[in-house]
């Protein structure tokens, strides 16, 4: 880190920059490249997971459940003193409702997958 700071500050000489670039590429290049490959494949897999239709549907289910919970509770109130605590409780309840909705949706998806797997095994045997 100190070398980068000194090379950036000295903008007059091009030779020290090339020498330090060659030195860092030679000694650390192979480690950095393999780490970058691993990181990119992990990142690509994570992005692919986020772009899957199931994740999008789960986010929609969670948002809908949270909004429904907030709408049930309501925020219109006459007492200003307990408003912060009531709002915090409403947000907690909305989070719990969202988690419960996602749990129900995931369990139904898993049940459908299990049924499809059983029917596929039965069809393959016959």
Protein backbone atom coordinates (compact mmCIF):
# COMPACT_ATOMS: atom_id res chain seq x y z
CA UNK A 1 0.00 0.00 0.00
CA UNK A 2 2.87 2.34 0.70
CA UNK A 3 4.37 1.70 -2.73
CA UNK A 4 1.14 2.52 -4.48
CA UNK A 5 0.86 5.76 -2.56
CA UNK A 6 4.43 6.78 -3.43
CA UNK A 7 4.15 5.82 -7.10
CA UNK A 8 0.91 7.74 -7.46
CA UNK A 9 2.44 10.82 -5.88
CA UNK A 10 5.50 10.76 -8.15
CA UNK A 11 3.98 11.31 -11.55
CA UNK A 12 7.22 12.46 -13.19
CA UNK A 13 9.03 9.17 -13.76
CA UNK A 14 7.44 6.40 -15.82
CA UNK A 15 10.19 3.85 -15.11
CA UNK A 16 9.45 3.32 -11.39
CA UNK A 17 5.80 2.68 -12.19
CA UNK A 18 6.69 0.04 -14.77
CA UNK A 19 9.19 -1.64 -12.48
CA UNK A 20 6.77 -1.82 -9.57
CA UNK A 21 4.02 -3.05 -11.87
CA UNK A 22 6.24 -5.83 -13.20
CA UNK A 23 7.35 -6.79 -9.72
CA UNK A 24 3.82 -6.98 -8.33
CA UNK A 25 2.52 -8.85 -11.37
CA UNK A 26 5.31 -11.41 -11.19
CA UNK A 27 5.14 -12.14 -7.48
CA UNK A 28 1.42 -11.86 -6.87
CA UNK A 29 -0.08 -12.40 -10.30
CA UNK A 30 -0.81 -16.10 -10.05
CA UNK A 31 -2.42 -15.82 -6.63
CA UNK A 32 -4.51 -12.84 -7.62
CA UNK A 33 -5.71 -14.44 -10.82
CA UNK A 34 -6.88 -17.65 -9.14
CA UNK A 35 -8.57 -15.66 -6.40
CA UNK A 36 -10.29 -13.51 -9.01
CA UNK A 37 -11.50 -16.60 -10.86
CA UNK A 38 -12.91 -18.11 -7.67
CA UNK A 39 -14.51 -14.86 -6.65
CA UNK A 40 -16.06 -14.29 -10.04
CA UNK A 41 -17.53 -17.77 -10.24
CA UNK A 42 -18.95 -17.40 -6.73
CA UNK A 43 -20.24 -13.97 -7.61
CA UNK A 44 -21.74 -15.24 -10.85
CA UNK A 45 -23.46 -18.06 -9.00
CA UNK A 46 -24.85 -15.63 -6.44
CA UNK A 47 -26.11 -13.28 -9.15
CA UNK A 48 -27.66 -16.22 -10.96
CA UNK A 49 -29.43 -17.22 -7.76
CA UNK A 50 -30.73 -13.70 -7.23
CA UNK A 51 -32.04 -13.61 -10.80
CA UNK A 52 -33.93 -16.88 -10.46
CA UNK A 53 -37.72 -16.73 -10.65
CA UNK A 54 -38.11 -18.45 -7.27
CA UNK A 55 -36.11 -15.77 -5.45
CA UNK A 56 -38.07 -13.03 -7.20
CA UNK A 57 -41.31 -14.70 -6.16
CA UNK A 58 -40.11 -15.09 -2.57
CA UNK A 59 -39.21 -11.40 -2.39
CA UNK A 60 -42.65 -10.50 -3.73
CA UNK A 61 -44.35 -12.77 -1.18
CA UNK A 62 -42.33 -11.27 1.66
CA UNK A 63 -43.04 -7.71 0.58
CA UNK A 64 -46.74 -8.40 0.24
CA UNK A 65 -46.93 -10.01 3.68
CA UNK A 66 -45.00 -7.17 5.27
CA UNK A 67 -47.23 -4.54 3.67
CA UNK A 68 -50.35 -6.42 4.72
CA UNK A 69 -49.10 -6.60 8.29
CA UNK A 70 -48.29 -2.89 8.33
CA UNK A 71 -51.68 -2.06 6.85
CA UNK A 72 -53.46 -4.18 9.47
CA UNK A 73 -51.69 -2.43 12.30
CA UNK A 74 -51.98 1.07 10.91
CA UNK A 75 -49.92 4.07 11.90
CA UNK A 76 -52.62 6.66 12.54
CA UNK A 77 -52.76 7.33 16.24
CA UNK A 78 -53.49 10.12 18.67
CA UNK A 79 -50.76 9.45 21.24
CA UNK A 80 -47.40 10.90 20.19
CA UNK A 81 -45.50 9.48 23.18
CA UNK A 82 -45.78 5.79 22.30
CA UNK A 83 -45.67 6.26 18.55
CA UNK A 84 -42.01 5.22 18.19
CA UNK A 85 -42.46 2.04 20.18
CA UNK A 86 -45.66 1.19 18.33
CA UNK A 87 -43.98 1.75 14.96
CA UNK A 88 -41.05 -0.42 15.99
CA UNK A 89 -43.40 -3.19 17.05
CA UNK A 90 -45.28 -2.90 13.78
CA UNK A 91 -42.06 -3.23 11.80
CA UNK A 92 -41.05 -6.28 13.87
CA UNK A 93 -44.44 -7.84 13.24
CA UNK A 94 -44.13 -7.07 9.53
CA UNK A 95 -40.75 -8.82 9.45
CA UNK A 96 -42.20 -11.84 11.23
CA UNK A 97 -45.10 -11.96 8.81
CA UNK A 98 -42.72 -11.75 5.85
CA UNK A 99 -40.55 -14.55 7.22
CA UNK A 100 -43.57 -16.72 7.87
CA UNK A 101 -44.89 -16.13 4.35
CA UNK A 102 -41.54 -17.02 2.81
CA UNK A 103 -41.37 -20.14 4.97
CA UNK A 104 -44.82 -21.24 3.84
CA UNK A 105 -43.96 -20.61 0.20
CA UNK A 106 -40.67 -22.49 0.43
CA UNK A 107 -42.32 -25.46 2.12
CA UNK A 108 -44.97 -25.62 -0.59
CA UNK A 109 -42.26 -25.43 -3.28
CA UNK A 110 -40.34 -28.26 -1.62
CA UNK A 111 -43.50 -30.35 -1.37
CA UNK A 112 -44.12 -29.87 -5.09
CA UNK A 113 -40.54 -30.85 -5.88
CA UNK A 114 -40.86 -34.00 -3.76
CA UNK A 115 -44.12 -34.96 -5.48
CA UNK A 116 -42.58 -34.42 -8.90
CA UNK A 117 -39.56 -36.53 -7.92
CA UNK A 118 -41.76 -39.36 -6.68
CA UNK A 119 -43.87 -39.33 -9.85
CA UNK A 120 -40.71 -39.31 -11.98
CA UNK A 121 -39.37 -42.33 -10.10
CA UNK A 122 -42.69 -44.13 -10.50
CA UNK A 123 -42.79 -43.39 -14.23
CA UNK A 124 -39.21 -44.59 -14.71
CA UNK A 125 -39.89 -47.95 -13.02
CA UNK A 126 -43.01 -48.70 -15.08
